């Protein structure tokens, strides 16, 4: 499983997002590595289709199903109005990816 946390340098929500990802992994009894990707310029933001900092992707899929359509170097707001993806959304994405890798449909519900 590929877990990525994309962020702009100095993002105040970067560390808290990493903690949420780690906690979600622990809840799923997984210890997959987390790749941290620093997005430092507009060209990189556009190449990565980066909707803002922080962004969490599991196997290339954004954990926020209502991802922003804008791309660029900016802070990101999530559906609940905060600057952090919910741990529940992260856990759903992790469980879905794990089930897909096993050849099953996602079974986690909130």
Protein backbone atom coordinates (compact mmCIF):
# COMPACT_ATOMS: atom_id res chain seq x y z
CA UNK A 1 0.00 0.00 0.00
CA UNK A 2 1.31 3.44 -0.91
CA UNK A 3 0.42 6.14 1.61
CA UNK A 4 1.44 9.69 0.80
CA UNK A 5 1.15 12.91 2.74
CA UNK A 6 1.68 15.87 0.44
CA UNK A 7 2.31 19.25 2.02
CA UNK A 8 3.81 22.66 1.49
CA UNK A 9 6.84 23.51 3.64
CA UNK A 10 5.77 25.21 6.86
CA UNK A 11 2.23 23.80 6.76
CA UNK A 12 0.87 23.99 10.30
CA UNK A 13 -1.30 20.89 9.72
CA UNK A 14 1.42 18.63 8.31
CA UNK A 15 2.49 16.98 11.60
CA UNK A 16 -1.06 16.57 12.91
CA UNK A 17 -2.03 14.90 9.64
CA UNK A 18 0.90 12.49 9.94
CA UNK A 19 -0.29 11.59 13.44
CA UNK A 20 -3.81 10.93 12.15
CA UNK A 21 -2.44 8.69 9.42
CA UNK A 22 -0.28 6.78 11.92
CA UNK A 23 -3.24 6.37 14.28
CA UNK A 24 -5.48 5.15 11.43
CA UNK A 25 -2.81 2.65 10.39
CA UNK A 26 -2.59 1.42 13.98
CA UNK A 27 -6.37 1.07 14.14
CA UNK A 28 -6.21 -1.08 11.01
CA UNK A 29 -3.30 -3.05 12.55
CA UNK A 30 -0.97 -2.02 9.74
CA UNK A 31 2.48 -0.49 9.75
CA UNK A 32 2.91 0.52 6.12
CA UNK A 33 5.38 3.33 5.51
CA UNK A 34 4.19 6.88 4.95
CA UNK A 35 5.83 8.89 2.19
CA UNK A 36 6.05 12.61 2.89
CA UNK A 37 6.10 14.70 -0.28
CA UNK A 38 7.07 18.33 -0.01
CA UNK A 39 5.41 20.41 -2.73
CA UNK A 40 7.63 23.47 -3.15
CA UNK A 41 6.54 25.08 -6.41
CA UNK A 42 3.58 25.54 -8.74
CA UNK A 43 5.02 23.22 -11.40
CA UNK A 44 5.21 20.37 -8.89
CA UNK A 45 1.74 21.20 -7.56
CA UNK A 46 0.29 20.94 -11.06
CA UNK A 47 2.24 17.78 -11.92
CA UNK A 48 0.91 16.11 -8.75
CA UNK A 49 -2.60 17.58 -9.10
CA UNK A 50 -2.07 18.90 -5.57
CA UNK A 51 -5.31 20.40 -4.16
CA UNK A 52 -3.64 21.95 -1.13
CA UNK A 53 -1.77 21.23 2.06
CA UNK A 54 -2.03 18.74 3.58
CA UNK A 55 -3.31 16.07 1.20
CA UNK A 56 -3.38 12.35 2.01
CA UNK A 57 -3.48 9.78 -0.77
CA UNK A 58 -3.72 6.02 -0.38
CA UNK A 59 -2.70 4.10 -3.51
CA UNK A 60 -3.02 7.38 -5.41
CA UNK A 61 -6.57 8.11 -4.24
CA UNK A 62 -7.31 11.24 -2.21
CA UNK A 63 -8.88 10.32 1.17
CA UNK A 64 -11.33 13.21 0.76
CA UNK A 65 -13.94 12.14 -1.75
CA UNK A 66 -14.97 15.77 -2.20
CA UNK A 67 -11.49 16.91 -3.13
CA UNK A 68 -10.95 20.48 -4.20
CA UNK A 69 -10.76 21.00 -7.95
CA UNK A 70 -8.23 23.78 -7.59
CA UNK A 71 -4.55 22.96 -7.79
CA UNK A 72 -1.68 24.94 -6.36
CA UNK A 73 0.35 26.00 -3.36
CA UNK A 74 -2.26 26.74 -0.73
CA UNK A 75 -3.73 25.50 2.51
CA UNK A 76 -6.54 23.02 2.16
CA UNK A 77 -9.91 23.01 3.87
CA UNK A 78 -11.83 19.78 4.33
CA UNK A 79 -15.58 19.15 4.35
CA UNK A 80 -15.82 19.81 8.10
CA UNK A 81 -14.18 23.21 7.67
CA UNK A 82 -10.90 22.18 9.30
CA UNK A 83 -7.46 22.03 7.75
CA UNK A 84 -7.07 18.33 8.58
CA UNK A 85 -8.47 15.25 6.88
CA UNK A 86 -10.59 13.28 9.33
CA UNK A 87 -9.09 10.14 10.80
CA UNK A 88 -12.30 8.37 9.76
CA UNK A 89 -11.74 9.30 6.10
CA UNK A 90 -8.11 8.15 6.32
CA UNK A 91 -9.15 4.84 7.90
CA UNK A 92 -11.83 4.29 5.24
CA UNK A 93 -9.27 4.84 2.49
CA UNK A 94 -6.74 2.51 4.15
CA UNK A 95 -9.33 -0.25 4.63
CA UNK A 96 -10.60 0.14 1.06
CA UNK A 97 -7.05 -0.09 -0.31
CA UNK A 98 -6.25 -3.11 1.85
CA UNK A 99 -9.43 -4.85 0.70
CA UNK A 100 -8.75 -3.97 -2.95
CA UNK A 101 -5.25 -5.43 -2.62
CA UNK A 102 -6.79 -8.62 -1.24
CA UNK A 103 -9.32 -8.71 -4.05
CA UNK A 104 -12.33 -7.82 -1.94
CA UNK A 105 -14.63 -4.80 -1.85
CA UNK A 106 -14.32 -2.30 0.99
CA UNK A 107 -16.17 -3.32 4.14
CA UNK A 108 -15.43 -0.50 6.58
CA UNK A 109 -18.39 1.69 7.42
CA UNK A 110 -18.60 4.67 9.68
